[in-house]
Structure formats: C-alpha cells, structure tokens
PDB file of N, CA and C in Angstrom:
ATOM      1  N   MET A   1      -4.843  18.306   2.412  1.00  0.00           N
ATOM      2  CA  MET A   1      -5.094  19.589   3.032  1.00  0.00           C
ATOM      3  C   MET A   1      -6.544  19.722   3.456  1.00  0.00           C
ATOM      4  N   GLY A   2      -7.405  18.822   3.000  1.00  0.00           N
ATOM      5  CA  GLY A   2      -8.814  18.919   3.345  1.00  0.00           C
ATOM      6  C   GLY A   2      -9.059  18.915   4.840  1.00  0.00           C
ATOM      7  N   MET A   3      -8.366  18.041   5.562  1.00  0.00           N
ATOM      8  CA  MET A   3      -8.562  17.965   7.011  1.00  0.00           C
ATOM      9  C   MET A   3      -7.956  19.176   7.703  1.00  0.00           C
ATOM     10  N   ALA A   4      -6.910  19.744   7.130  1.00  0.00           N
ATOM     11  CA  ALA A   4      -6.339  20.975   7.694  1.00  0.00           C
ATOM     12  C   ALA A   4      -7.319  22.126   7.490  1.00  0.00           C
ATOM     13  N   ASN A   5      -7.935  22.170   6.323  1.00  0.00           N
ATOM     14  CA  ASN A   5      -8.933  23.214   6.061  1.00  0.00           C
ATOM     15  C   ASN A   5     -10.151  23.071   6.966  1.00  0.00           C
ATOM     16  N   MET A   6     -10.454  21.836   7.386  1.00  0.00           N
ATOM     17  CA  MET A   6     -11.567  21.599   8.305  1.00  0.00           C
ATOM     18  C   MET A   6     -11.165  21.864   9.754  1.00  0.00           C
ATOM     19  N   GLY A   7      -9.864  22.106   9.987  1.00  0.00           N
ATOM     20  CA  GLY A   7      -9.387  22.387  11.336  1.00  0.00           C
ATOM     21  C   GLY A   7      -9.098  21.150  12.166  1.00  0.00           C
ATOM     22  N   LEU A   8      -9.054  19.969  11.530  1.00  0.00           N
ATOM     23  CA  LEU A   8      -8.801  18.731  12.268  1.00  0.00           C
ATOM     24  C   LEU A   8      -7.316  18.505  12.534  1.00  0.00           C
ATOM     25  N   VAL A   9      -6.474  19.033  11.658  1.00  0.00           N
ATOM     26  CA  VAL A   9      -5.021  18.979  11.853  1.00  0.00           C
ATOM     27  C   VAL A   9      -4.453  20.324  11.412  1.00  0.00           C
ATOM     28  N   SER A  10      -3.268  20.632  11.906  1.00  0.00           N
ATOM     29  CA  SER A  10      -2.659  21.909  11.523  1.00  0.00           C
ATOM     30  C   SER A  10      -2.010  21.794  10.142  1.00  0.00           C
ATOM     31  N   LYS A  11      -1.975  22.897   9.432  1.00  0.00           N
ATOM     32  CA  LYS A  11      -1.330  22.927   8.121  1.00  0.00           C
ATOM     33  C   LYS A  11       0.163  22.654   8.257  1.00  0.00           C
ATOM     34  N   GLU A  12       0.744  23.062   9.382  1.00  0.00           N
ATOM     35  CA  GLU A  12       2.171  22.812   9.623  1.00  0.00           C
ATOM     36  C   GLU A  12       2.439  21.311   9.706  1.00  0.00           C
ATOM     37  N   LYS A  13       1.546  20.566  10.385  1.00  0.00           N
ATOM     38  CA  LYS A  13       1.728  19.109  10.486  1.00  0.00           C
ATOM     39  C   LYS A  13       1.632  18.467   9.111  1.00  0.00           C
ATOM     40  N   VAL A  14       0.704  18.948   8.295  1.00  0.00           N
ATOM     41  CA  VAL A  14       0.561  18.416   6.940  1.00  0.00           C
ATOM     42  C   VAL A  14       1.813  18.732   6.127  1.00  0.00           C
ATOM     43  N   ASP A  15       2.293  19.966   6.203  1.00  0.00           N
ATOM     44  CA  ASP A  15       3.455  20.391   5.421  1.00  0.00           C
ATOM     45  C   ASP A  15       4.728  19.638   5.790  1.00  0.00           C
ATOM     46  N   CYS A  16       4.881  19.256   7.050  1.00  0.00           N
ATOM     47  CA  CYS A  16       6.124  18.589   7.458  1.00  0.00           C
ATOM     48  C   CYS A  16       6.018  17.063   7.390  1.00  0.00           C
ATOM     49  N   PHE A  17       4.872  16.544   6.977  1.00  0.00           N
ATOM     50  CA  PHE A  17       4.721  15.086   6.857  1.00  0.00           C
ATOM     51  C   PHE A  17       5.297  14.626   5.531  1.00  0.00           C
ATOM     52  N   ASN A  18       6.160  13.625   5.580  1.00  0.00           N
ATOM     53  CA  ASN A  18       6.781  13.078   4.385  1.00  0.00           C
ATOM     54  C   ASN A  18       6.767  11.566   4.501  1.00  0.00           C
ATOM     55  N   LEU A  19       6.249  10.919   3.498  1.00  0.00           N
ATOM     56  CA  LEU A  19       6.174   9.464   3.506  1.00  0.00           C
ATOM     57  C   LEU A  19       6.694   8.938   2.171  1.00  0.00           C
ATOM     58  N   PRO A  20       8.012   8.798   2.059  1.00  0.00           N
ATOM     59  CA  PRO A  20       8.554   8.305   0.793  1.00  0.00           C
ATOM     60  C   PRO A  20       8.205   6.826   0.614  1.00  0.00           C
ATOM     61  N   VAL A  21       7.691   6.494  -0.544  1.00  0.00           N
ATOM     62  CA  VAL A  21       7.297   5.121  -0.851  1.00  0.00           C
ATOM     63  C   VAL A  21       7.940   4.743  -2.174  1.00  0.00           C
ATOM     64  N   TYR A  22       8.457   3.530  -2.230  1.00  0.00           N
ATOM     65  CA  TYR A  22       9.099   3.049  -3.447  1.00  0.00           C
ATOM     66  C   TYR A  22       8.539   1.671  -3.778  1.00  0.00           C
ATOM     67  N   PHE A  23       8.144   1.455  -5.002  1.00  0.00           N
ATOM     68  CA  PHE A  23       7.629   0.169  -5.445  1.00  0.00           C
ATOM     69  C   PHE A  23       8.668  -0.480  -6.351  1.00  0.00           C
ATOM     70  N   PRO A  24       9.364  -1.505  -5.851  1.00  0.00           N
ATOM     71  CA  PRO A  24      10.412  -2.132  -6.661  1.00  0.00           C
ATOM     72  C   PRO A  24       9.817  -2.964  -7.796  1.00  0.00           C
ATOM     73  N   SER A  25      10.614  -3.153  -8.829  1.00  0.00           N
ATOM     74  CA  SER A  25      10.212  -4.043  -9.921  1.00  0.00           C
ATOM     75  C   SER A  25      10.369  -5.484  -9.439  1.00  0.00           C
ATOM     76  N   LEU A  26       9.823  -6.420 -10.190  1.00  0.00           N
ATOM     77  CA  LEU A  26       9.976  -7.832  -9.831  1.00  0.00           C
ATOM     78  C   LEU A  26      11.448  -8.228  -9.796  1.00  0.00           C
ATOM     79  N   GLU A  27      12.222  -7.697 -10.726  1.00  0.00           N
ATOM     80  CA  GLU A  27      13.650  -8.027 -10.774  1.00  0.00           C
ATOM     81  C   GLU A  27      14.375  -7.515  -9.529  1.00  0.00           C
ATOM     82  N   GLU A  28      14.050  -6.293  -9.110  1.00  0.00           N
ATOM     83  CA  GLU A  28      14.671  -5.737  -7.904  1.00  0.00           C
ATOM     84  C   GLU A  28      14.284  -6.546  -6.672  1.00  0.00           C
ATOM     85  N   LEU A  29      13.008  -6.909  -6.589  1.00  0.00           N
ATOM     86  CA  LEU A  29      12.534  -7.687  -5.452  1.00  0.00           C
ATOM     87  C   LEU A  29      13.212  -9.053  -5.407  1.00  0.00           C
ATOM     88  N   LYS A  30      13.352  -9.672  -6.560  1.00  0.00           N
ATOM     89  CA  LYS A  30      14.015 -10.974  -6.640  1.00  0.00           C
ATOM     90  C   LYS A  30      15.473 -10.864  -6.191  1.00  0.00           C
ATOM     91  N   ALA A  31      16.161  -9.823  -6.627  1.00  0.00           N
ATOM     92  CA  ALA A  31      17.562  -9.622  -6.236  1.00  0.00           C
ATOM     93  C   ALA A  31      17.693  -9.432  -4.725  1.00  0.00           C
ATOM     94  N   ILE A  32      16.760  -8.699  -4.129  1.00  0.00           N
ATOM     95  CA  ILE A  32      16.780  -8.488  -2.674  1.00  0.00           C
ATOM     96  C   ILE A  32      16.586  -9.812  -1.950  1.00  0.00           C
ATOM     97  N   MET A  33      15.617 -10.596  -2.406  1.00  0.00           N
ATOM     98  CA  MET A  33      15.354 -11.888  -1.758  1.00  0.00           C
ATOM     99  C   MET A  33      16.526 -12.844  -1.915  1.00  0.00           C
ATOM    100  N   GLU A  34      17.180 -12.810  -3.067  1.00  0.00           N
ATOM    101  CA  GLU A  34      18.310 -13.703  -3.304  1.00  0.00           C
ATOM    102  C   GLU A  34      19.514 -13.341  -2.438  1.00  0.00           C
ATOM    103  N   ARG A  35      19.629 -12.083  -2.025  1.00  0.00           N
ATOM    104  CA  ARG A  35      20.729 -11.685  -1.134  1.00  0.00           C
ATOM    105  C   ARG A  35      20.551 -12.260   0.268  1.00  0.00           C
ATOM    106  N   ASN A  36      19.326 -12.577   0.637  1.00  0.00           N
ATOM    107  CA  ASN A  36      19.059 -13.199   1.930  1.00  0.00           C
ATOM    108  C   ASN A  36      19.373 -14.685   1.804  1.00  0.00           C
ATOM    109  N   ARG A  37      20.407 -15.109   2.426  1.00  0.00           N
ATOM    110  CA  ARG A  37      20.875 -16.488   2.277  1.00  0.00           C
ATOM    111  C   ARG A  37      20.085 -17.485   3.129  1.00  0.00           C
ATOM    112  N   GLU A  38      19.157 -17.011   3.933  1.00  0.00           N
ATOM    113  CA  GLU A  38      18.344 -17.900   4.768  1.00  0.00           C
ATOM    114  C   GLU A  38      17.296 -18.654   3.950  1.00  0.00           C
ATOM    115  N   PHE A  39      16.873 -18.062   2.830  1.00  0.00           N
ATOM    116  CA  PHE A  39      15.822 -18.656   2.014  1.00  0.00           C
ATOM    117  C   PHE A  39      16.247 -18.675   0.561  1.00  0.00           C
ATOM    118  N   ARG A  40      15.619 -19.541  -0.192  1.00  0.00           N
ATOM    119  CA  ARG A  40      15.791 -19.514  -1.644  1.00  0.00           C
ATOM    120  C   ARG A  40      14.398 -19.457  -2.268  1.00  0.00           C
ATOM    121  N   ILE A  41      14.330 -18.840  -3.413  1.00  0.00           N
ATOM    122  CA  ILE A  41      13.055 -18.676  -4.108  1.00  0.00           C
ATOM    123  C   ILE A  41      12.739 -19.960  -4.866  1.00  0.00           C
ATOM    124  N   GLU A  42      11.636 -20.587  -4.497  1.00  0.00           N
ATOM    125  CA  GLU A  42      11.158 -21.763  -5.215  1.00  0.00           C
ATOM    126  C   GLU A  42      10.326 -21.334  -6.424  1.00  0.00           C
ATOM    127  N   LYS A  43       9.505 -20.307  -6.215  1.00  0.00           N
ATOM    128  CA  LYS A  43       8.657 -19.805  -7.296  1.00  0.00           C
ATOM    129  C   LYS A  43       8.323 -18.349  -7.017  1.00  0.00           C
ATOM    130  N   MET A  44       8.317 -17.546  -8.071  1.00  0.00           N
ATOM    131  CA  MET A  44       7.941 -16.138  -7.958  1.00  0.00           C
ATOM    132  C   MET A  44       7.176 -15.773  -9.221  1.00  0.00           C
ATOM    133  N   GLU A  45       5.943 -15.309  -9.021  1.00  0.00           N
ATOM    134  CA  GLU A  45       5.087 -15.058 -10.168  1.00  0.00           C
ATOM    135  C   GLU A  45       4.118 -13.917  -9.868  1.00  0.00           C
ATOM    136  N   ALA A  46       3.957 -13.032 -10.827  1.00  0.00           N
ATOM    137  CA  ALA A  46       2.941 -11.980 -10.725  1.00  0.00           C
ATOM    138  C   ALA A  46       1.670 -12.530 -11.359  1.00  0.00           C
ATOM    139  N   ILE A  47       0.604 -12.521 -10.586  1.00  0.00           N
ATOM    140  CA  ILE A  47      -0.668 -13.071 -11.053  1.00  0.00           C
ATOM    141  C   ILE A  47      -1.648 -11.925 -11.249  1.00  0.00           C
ATOM    142  N   SER A  48      -2.271 -11.907 -12.390  1.00  0.00           N
ATOM    143  CA  SER A  48      -3.334 -10.934 -12.626  1.00  0.00           C
ATOM    144  C   SER A  48      -4.378 -11.595 -13.512  1.00  0.00           C
ATOM    145  N   HIS A  49      -5.569 -11.123 -13.384  1.00  0.00           N
ATOM    146  CA  HIS A  49      -6.669 -11.651 -14.175  1.00  0.00           C
ATOM    147  C   HIS A  49      -7.575 -10.479 -14.518  1.00  0.00           C
ATOM    148  N   PRO A  50      -8.067 -10.417 -15.742  1.00  0.00           N
ATOM    149  CA  PRO A  50      -8.896  -9.265 -16.120  1.00  0.00           C
ATOM    150  C   PRO A  50     -10.131  -9.083 -15.239  1.00  0.00           C
ATOM    151  N   LYS A  51     -10.609 -10.148 -14.620  1.00  0.00           N
ATOM    152  CA  LYS A  51     -11.796 -10.032 -13.766  1.00  0.00           C
ATOM    153  C   LYS A  51     -11.450  -9.652 -12.332  1.00  0.00           C
ATOM    154  N   MET A  52     -10.163  -9.658 -12.004  1.00  0.00           N
ATOM    155  CA  MET A  52      -9.737  -9.234 -10.661  1.00  0.00           C
ATOM    156  C   MET A  52      -9.493  -7.732 -10.716  1.00  0.00           C
ATOM    157  N   LYS A  53     -10.474  -6.953 -10.346  1.00  0.00           N
ATOM    158  CA  LYS A  53     -10.356  -5.497 -10.400  1.00  0.00           C
ATOM    159  C   LYS A  53     -10.111  -4.937  -9.005  1.00  0.00           C
ATOM    160  N   THR A  54      -9.373  -3.863  -8.951  1.00  0.00           N
ATOM    161  CA  THR A  54      -9.101  -3.181  -7.697  1.00  0.00           C
ATOM    162  C   THR A  54     -10.273  -2.267  -7.376  1.00  0.00           C
ATOM    163  N   GLU A  55     -10.848  -2.445  -6.219  1.00  0.00           N
ATOM    164  CA  GLU A  55     -11.926  -1.577  -5.757  1.00  0.00           C
ATOM    165  C   GLU A  55     -11.323  -0.471  -4.899  1.00  0.00           C
ATOM    166  N   PRO A  56     -11.832   0.751  -4.992  1.00  0.00           N
ATOM    167  CA  PRO A  56     -11.281   1.858  -4.202  1.00  0.00           C
ATOM    168  C   PRO A  56     -11.228   1.561  -2.701  1.00  0.00           C
ATOM    169  N   LYS A  57     -12.292   0.974  -2.159  1.00  0.00           N
ATOM    170  CA  LYS A  57     -12.328   0.682  -0.724  1.00  0.00           C
ATOM    171  C   LYS A  57     -11.242  -0.331  -0.346  1.00  0.00           C
ATOM    172  N   GLN A  58     -11.001  -1.287  -1.240  1.00  0.00           N
ATOM    173  CA  GLN A  58      -9.951  -2.280  -1.037  1.00  0.00           C
ATOM    174  C   GLN A  58      -8.579  -1.607  -0.991  1.00  0.00           C
ATOM    175  N   CYS A  59      -8.340  -0.693  -1.911  1.00  0.00           N
ATOM    176  CA  CYS A  59      -7.062   0.032  -1.948  1.00  0.00           C
ATOM    177  C   CYS A  59      -6.838   0.806  -0.656  1.00  0.00           C
ATOM    178  N   ILE A  60      -7.851   1.542  -0.213  1.00  0.00           N
ATOM    179  CA  ILE A  60      -7.728   2.345   1.002  1.00  0.00           C
ATOM    180  C   ILE A  60      -7.498   1.444   2.206  1.00  0.00           C
ATOM    181  N   SER A  61      -8.170   0.299   2.242  1.00  0.00           N
ATOM    182  CA  SER A  61      -7.984  -0.640   3.350  1.00  0.00           C
ATOM    183  C   SER A  61      -6.541  -1.145   3.402  1.00  0.00           C
ATOM    184  N   GLY A  62      -5.967  -1.440   2.243  1.00  0.00           N
ATOM    185  CA  GLY A  62      -4.575  -1.880   2.187  1.00  0.00           C
ATOM    186  C   GLY A  62      -3.609  -0.794   2.614  1.00  0.00           C
ATOM    187  N   ILE A  63      -3.856   0.423   2.157  1.00  0.00           N
ATOM    188  CA  ILE A  63      -3.012   1.560   2.549  1.00  0.00           C
ATOM    189  C   ILE A  63      -3.105   1.785   4.052  1.00  0.00           C
ATOM    190  N   LYS A  64      -4.314   1.674   4.586  1.00  0.00           N
ATOM    191  CA  LYS A  64      -4.522   1.860   6.025  1.00  0.00           C
ATOM    192  C   LYS A  64      -3.762   0.799   6.820  1.00  0.00           C
ATOM    193  N   ALA A  65      -3.814  -0.450   6.363  1.00  0.00           N
ATOM    194  CA  ALA A  65      -3.124  -1.532   7.064  1.00  0.00           C
ATOM    195  C   ALA A  65      -1.621  -1.275   7.156  1.00  0.00           C
ATOM    196  N   VAL A  66      -1.059  -0.708   6.108  1.00  0.00           N
ATOM    197  CA  VAL A  66       0.386  -0.474   6.068  1.00  0.00           C
ATOM    198  C   VAL A  66       0.794   0.802   6.797  1.00  0.00           C
ATOM    199  N   PHE A  67       0.044   1.884   6.603  1.00  0.00           N
ATOM    200  CA  PHE A  67       0.501   3.200   7.053  1.00  0.00           C
ATOM    201  C   PHE A  67      -0.229   3.791   8.253  1.00  0.00           C
ATOM    202  N   GLU A  68      -1.242   3.112   8.780  1.00  0.00           N
ATOM    203  CA  GLU A  68      -2.022   3.686   9.874  1.00  0.00           C
ATOM    204  C   GLU A  68      -1.155   4.048  11.082  1.00  0.00           C
ATOM    205  N   GLY A  69      -0.225   3.187  11.443  1.00  0.00           N
ATOM    206  CA  GLY A  69       0.639   3.455  12.596  1.00  0.00           C
ATOM    207  C   GLY A  69       1.518   4.679  12.400  1.00  0.00           C
ATOM    208  N   ILE A  70       2.117   4.796  11.232  1.00  0.00           N
ATOM    209  CA  ILE A  70       3.000   5.927  10.932  1.00  0.00           C
ATOM    210  C   ILE A  70       2.210   7.233  10.913  1.00  0.00           C
ATOM    211  N   ILE A  71       1.061   7.197  10.260  1.00  0.00           N
ATOM    212  CA  ILE A  71       0.220   8.401  10.175  1.00  0.00           C
ATOM    213  C   ILE A  71      -0.307   8.771  11.552  1.00  0.00           C
ATOM    214  N   GLY A  72      -0.738   7.763  12.316  1.00  0.00           N
ATOM    215  CA  GLY A  72      -1.244   8.012  13.666  1.00  0.00           C
ATOM    216  C   GLY A  72      -0.189   8.600  14.582  1.00  0.00           C
ATOM    217  N   LYS A  73       1.050   8.133  14.433  1.00  0.00           N
ATOM    218  CA  LYS A  73       2.137   8.654  15.270  1.00  0.00           C
ATOM    219  C   LYS A  73       2.396  10.134  14.975  1.00  0.00           C
ATOM    220  N   HIS A  74       2.277  10.521  13.715  1.00  0.00           N
ATOM    221  CA  HIS A  74       2.552  11.907  13.328  1.00  0.00           C
ATOM    222  C   HIS A  74       1.378  12.841  13.644  1.00  0.00           C
ATOM    223  N   PHE A  75       0.182  12.411  13.263  1.00  0.00           N
ATOM    224  CA  PHE A  75      -0.984  13.290  13.397  1.00  0.00           C
ATOM    225  C   PHE A  75      -1.814  13.029  14.652  1.00  0.00           C
ATOM    226  N   GLY A  76      -1.627  11.864  15.261  1.00  0.00           N
ATOM    227  CA  GLY A  76      -2.454  11.473  16.402  1.00  0.00           C
ATOM    228  C   GLY A  76      -3.455  10.414  15.971  1.00  0.00           C
ATOM    229  N   SER A  77      -3.622   9.398  16.796  1.00  0.00           N
ATOM    230  CA  SER A  77      -4.487   8.277  16.422  1.00  0.00           C
ATOM    231  C   SER A  77      -5.946   8.695  16.263  1.00  0.00           C
ATOM    232  N   ASN A  78      -6.332   9.790  16.920  1.00  0.00           N
ATOM    233  CA  ASN A  78      -7.713  10.252  16.792  1.00  0.00           C
ATOM    234  C   ASN A  78      -8.021  10.779  15.388  1.00  0.00           C
ATOM    235  N   VAL A  79      -7.003  11.100  14.628  1.00  0.00           N
ATOM    236  CA  VAL A  79      -7.183  11.665  13.287  1.00  0.00           C
ATOM    237  C   VAL A  79      -7.254  10.574  12.217  1.00  0.00           C
ATOM    238  N   THR A  80      -6.627   9.427  12.468  1.00  0.00           N
ATOM    239  CA  THR A  80      -6.485   8.424  11.409  1.00  0.00           C
ATOM    240  C   THR A  80      -7.821   7.884  10.907  1.00  0.00           C
ATOM    241  N   GLU A  81      -8.753   7.603  11.796  1.00  0.00           N
ATOM    242  CA  GLU A  81     -10.048   7.072  11.348  1.00  0.00           C
ATOM    243  C   GLU A  81     -10.742   8.051  10.411  1.00  0.00           C
ATOM    244  N   GLU A  82     -10.759   9.323  10.799  1.00  0.00           N
ATOM    245  CA  GLU A  82     -11.389  10.343   9.955  1.00  0.00           C
ATOM    246  C   GLU A  82     -10.652  10.467   8.623  1.00  0.00           C
ATOM    247  N   LEU A  83      -9.327  10.415   8.663  1.00  0.00           N
ATOM    248  CA  LEU A  83      -8.531  10.517   7.441  1.00  0.00           C
ATOM    249  C   LEU A  83      -8.879   9.400   6.464  1.00  0.00           C
ATOM    250  N   PHE A  84      -8.893   8.158   6.953  1.00  0.00           N
ATOM    251  CA  PHE A  84      -9.162   7.041   6.056  1.00  0.00           C
ATOM    252  C   PHE A  84     -10.623   6.993   5.620  1.00  0.00           C
ATOM    253  N   GLU A  85     -11.518   7.495   6.434  1.00  0.00           N
ATOM    254  CA  GLU A  85     -12.919   7.620   6.023  1.00  0.00           C
ATOM    255  C   GLU A  85     -13.030   8.622   4.873  1.00  0.00           C
ATOM    256  N   GLN A  86     -12.343   9.760   5.009  1.00  0.00           N
ATOM    257  CA  GLN A  86     -12.338  10.764   3.939  1.00  0.00           C
ATOM    258  C   GLN A  86     -11.692  10.207   2.662  1.00  0.00           C
ATOM    259  N   CYS A  87     -10.629   9.430   2.832  1.00  0.00           N
ATOM    260  CA  CYS A  87      -9.964   8.813   1.673  1.00  0.00           C
ATOM    261  C   CYS A  87     -10.905   7.851   0.954  1.00  0.00           C
ATOM    262  N   SER A  88     -11.664   7.064   1.709  1.00  0.00           N
ATOM    263  CA  SER A  88     -12.617   6.125   1.107  1.00  0.00           C
ATOM    264  C   SER A  88     -13.672   6.862   0.298  1.00  0.00           C
ATOM    265  N   ILE A  89     -14.154   7.971   0.841  1.00  0.00           N
ATOM    266  CA  ILE A  89     -15.161   8.773   0.139  1.00  0.00           C
ATOM    267  C   ILE A  89     -14.572   9.343  -1.148  1.00  0.00           C
ATOM    268  N   LYS A  90     -13.357   9.910  -1.053  1.00  0.00           N
ATOM    269  CA  LYS A  90     -12.704  10.498  -2.231  1.00  0.00           C
ATOM    270  C   LYS A  90     -12.404   9.434  -3.289  1.00  0.00           C
ATOM    271  N   ALA A  91     -11.937   8.265  -2.837  1.00  0.00           N
ATOM    272  CA  ALA A  91     -11.568   7.204  -3.775  1.00  0.00           C
ATOM    273  C   ALA A  91     -12.783   6.666  -4.524  1.00  0.00           C
ATOM    274  N   ALA A  92     -13.957   6.746  -3.923  1.00  0.00           N
ATOM    275  CA  ALA A  92     -15.172   6.245  -4.566  1.00  0.00           C
ATOM    276  C   ALA A  92     -15.754   7.227  -5.581  1.00  0.00           C
ATOM    277  N   GLU A  93     -15.306   8.486  -5.536  1.00  0.00           N
ATOM    278  CA  GLU A  93     -15.813   9.492  -6.473  1.00  0.00           C
ATOM    279  C   GLU A  93     -15.248   9.242  -7.868  1.00  0.00           C
ATOM    280  N   PRO A  94     -16.039   9.548  -8.891  1.00  0.00           N
ATOM    281  CA  PRO A  94     -15.495   9.433 -10.255  1.00  0.00           C
ATOM    282  C   PRO A  94     -14.260  10.321 -10.392  1.00  0.00           C
ATOM    283  N   SER A  95     -13.254   9.800 -11.055  1.00  0.00           N
ATOM    284  CA  SER A  95     -11.993  10.520 -11.168  1.00  0.00           C
ATOM    285  C   SER A  95     -11.677  10.820 -12.622  1.00  0.00           C
ATOM    286  N   VAL A  96     -11.053  11.934 -12.830  1.00  0.00           N
ATOM    287  CA  VAL A  96     -10.585  12.286 -14.171  1.00  0.00           C
ATOM    288  C   VAL A  96      -9.584  11.245 -14.654  1.00  0.00           C
ATOM    289  N   LEU A  97      -8.844  10.654 -13.726  1.00  0.00           N
ATOM    290  CA  LEU A  97      -7.841   9.661 -14.100  1.00  0.00           C
ATOM    291  C   LEU A  97      -8.469   8.353 -14.536  1.00  0.00           C
ATOM    292  N   LEU A  98      -9.727   8.136 -14.172  1.00  0.00           N
ATOM    293  CA  LEU A  98     -10.381   6.869 -14.484  1.00  0.00           C
ATOM    294  C   LEU A  98     -11.599   7.086 -15.381  1.00  0.00           C
ATOM    295  N   LEU A  99     -11.458   7.912 -16.387  1.00  0.00           N
ATOM    296  CA  LEU A  99     -12.589   8.226 -17.254  1.00  0.00           C
ATOM    297  C   LEU A  99     -13.124   7.013 -18.003  1.00  0.00           C
ATOM    298  N   ASP A 100     -12.292   5.999 -18.204  1.00  0.00           N
ATOM    299  CA  ASP A 100     -12.763   4.819 -18.927  1.00  0.00           C
ATOM    300  C   ASP A 100     -13.658   3.935 -18.061  1.00  0.00           C
ATOM    301  N   THR A 101     -13.848   4.279 -16.812  1.00  0.00           N
ATOM    302  CA  THR A 101     -14.675   3.584 -15.812  1.00  0.00           C
ATOM    303  C   THR A 101     -14.179   2.192 -15.462  1.00  0.00           C
ATOM    304  N   ASP A 102     -13.096   1.752 -16.054  1.00  0.00           N
ATOM    305  CA  ASP A 102     -12.523   0.469 -15.656  1.00  0.00           C
ATOM    306  C   ASP A 102     -11.502   0.703 -14.565  1.00  0.00           C
ATOM    307  N   MET A 103     -11.659  -0.025 -13.473  1.00  0.00           N
ATOM    308  CA  MET A 103     -10.671   0.065 -12.406  1.00  0.00           C
ATOM    309  C   MET A 103      -9.429  -0.701 -12.853  1.00  0.00           C
ATOM    310  N   PRO A 104      -8.266  -0.305 -12.373  1.00  0.00           N
ATOM    311  CA  PRO A 104      -7.046  -1.023 -12.738  1.00  0.00           C
ATOM    312  C   PRO A 104      -7.119  -2.490 -12.304  1.00  0.00           C
ATOM    313  N   THR A 105      -6.454  -3.345 -13.078  1.00  0.00           N
ATOM    314  CA  THR A 105      -6.412  -4.761 -12.739  1.00  0.00           C
ATOM    315  C   THR A 105      -5.581  -4.959 -11.482  1.00  0.00           C
ATOM    316  N   LEU A 106      -6.044  -5.841 -10.631  1.00  0.00           N
ATOM    317  CA  LEU A 106      -5.337  -6.170  -9.401  1.00  0.00           C
ATOM    318  C   LEU A 106      -4.222  -7.154  -9.721  1.00  0.00           C
ATOM    319  N   HIS A 107      -3.028  -6.869  -9.258  1.00  0.00           N
ATOM    320  CA  HIS A 107      -1.893  -7.767  -9.437  1.00  0.00           C
ATOM    321  C   HIS A 107      -1.510  -8.325  -8.078  1.00  0.00           C
ATOM    322  N   VAL A 108      -1.312  -9.631  -8.035  1.00  0.00           N
ATOM    323  CA  VAL A 108      -0.920 -10.301  -6.803  1.00  0.00           C
ATOM    324  C   VAL A 108       0.433 -10.940  -7.052  1.00  0.00           C
ATOM    325  N   LEU A 109       1.342 -10.764  -6.128  1.00  0.00           N
ATOM    326  CA  LEU A 109       2.666 -11.362  -6.252  1.00  0.00           C
ATOM    327  C   LEU A 109       2.704 -12.627  -5.414  1.00  0.00           C
ATOM    328  N   LEU A 110       2.940 -13.748  -6.061  1.00  0.00           N
ATOM    329  CA  LEU A 110       3.053 -15.034  -5.381  1.00  0.00           C
ATOM    330  C   LEU A 110       4.535 -15.364  -5.262  1.00  0.00           C
ATOM    331  N   VAL A 111       4.989 -15.561  -4.038  1.00  0.00           N
ATOM    332  CA  VAL A 111       6.386 -15.928  -3.801  1.00  0.00           C
ATOM    333  C   VAL A 111       6.397 -17.131  -2.875  1.00  0.00           C
ATOM    334  N   ILE A 112       7.037 -18.191  -3.320  1.00  0.00           N
ATOM    335  CA  ILE A 112       7.213 -19.371  -2.478  1.00  0.00           C
ATOM    336  C   ILE A 112       8.695 -19.453  -2.145  1.00  0.00           C
ATOM    337  N   LEU A 113       8.989 -19.357  -0.853  1.00  0.00           N
ATOM    338  CA  LEU A 113      10.368 -19.422  -0.375  1.00  0.00           C
ATOM    339  C   LEU A 113      10.582 -20.736   0.357  1.00  0.00           C
ATOM    340  N   LYS A 114      11.783 -21.246   0.291  1.00  0.00           N
ATOM    341  CA  LYS A 114      12.140 -22.442   1.053  1.00  0.00           C
ATOM    342  C   LYS A 114      13.349 -22.096   1.901  1.00  0.00           C
ATOM    343  N   ARG A 115      13.250 -22.438   3.181  1.00  0.00           N
ATOM    344  CA  ARG A 115      14.362 -22.170   4.091  1.00  0.00           C
ATOM    345  C   ARG A 115      15.561 -23.028   3.686  1.00  0.00           C
ATOM    346  N   ASN A 116      16.716 -22.398   3.601  1.00  0.00           N
ATOM    347  CA  ASN A 116      17.938 -23.138   3.305  1.00  0.00           C
ATOM    348  C   ASN A 116      18.290 -23.995   4.506  1.00  0.00           C
ATOM    349  N   GLY A 117      18.750 -25.193   4.252  1.00  0.00           N
ATOM    350  CA  GLY A 117      19.064 -26.129   5.328  1.00  0.00           C
ATOM    351  C   GLY A 117      20.218 -25.660   6.185  1.00  0.00           C
ATOM    352  N   ASN A 118      19.945 -25.450   7.490  1.00  0.00           N
ATOM    353  CA  ASN A 118      21.014 -25.094   8.426  1.00  0.00           C
ATOM    354  C   ASN A 118      20.884 -25.891   9.716  1.00  0.00           C
ATOM    355  N   GLY A 119      20.097 -27.005   9.650  1.00  0.00           N
ATOM    356  CA  GLY A 119      19.946 -27.823  10.842  1.00  0.00           C
ATOM    357  C   GLY A 119      18.796 -27.404  11.731  1.00  0.00           C
ATOM    358  N   ASN A 120      18.297 -26.188  11.593  1.00  0.00           N
ATOM    359  CA  ASN A 120      17.154 -25.715  12.380  1.00  0.00           C
ATOM    360  C   ASN A 120      15.926 -25.655  11.483  1.00  0.00           C
ATOM    361  N   ALA A 121      14.878 -26.326  11.874  1.00  0.00           N
ATOM    362  CA  ALA A 121      13.673 -26.292  11.033  1.00  0.00           C
ATOM    363  C   ALA A 121      12.510 -25.706  11.749  1.00  0.00           C
TER     364      ALA A 121
END
C-alpha cells in the first residue's frame, strides 16, 4: 500500500491484485517430474550450507526475475522499477522477524534429468 499512499498506483489496483504462490515440497516436486515421461530423474538433492546466506537484495532480485512481467502487466511497467527499488530498501531494514540478525540459509535444489530414449536427441 506504500506506493498507493504515495499516489503511484491506485488503491483499487492494489486491492484487486492477487498473486497466489505455492512452494511444493521435494516429494511433490519429484512426483510432478516423474509424471513427465520425457525425462527421468538421475539425481535430486537439496543443497544448503551454513555459510550460504540469503541476502535481501538477492531475494528481491529473484522475485523480480520471476514476477516482474506479471506485476508490470497489472500495474504498468513504469511502476515495476519503483516497486522493486522500494522492496530492496524495505528488505534491507532490520526486521522484527529477523531479530537474531542471521539471514536464513540459502537452499539450492539440484536436479539432474536425463531425456528418455525416443530416437530424438
């Protein structure tokens, strides 16, 4: 609502924007991949290391890469840069949720797929 309060977007546009997001478990993701008969899973592993920390700017950059088009289509592309700039500023502020000052560990999903043999390579 911050950008609506600044007059950059209408409150109505904010109120009618809905972006449902679902994060599947590894088991759900594996089941989805196994239903695709074009490939088989050679290896699937969640990798994390205590020294691999998520930085706020990194998180916002990833969110922007995925959702910039959808957000731009709804609010207008002229708004997206300002929105993600504001998000970066907010994400860098100390948060009540992160009082321990440790950023969450970054998890990377490694999936190696092999195309099932169908004569086309």
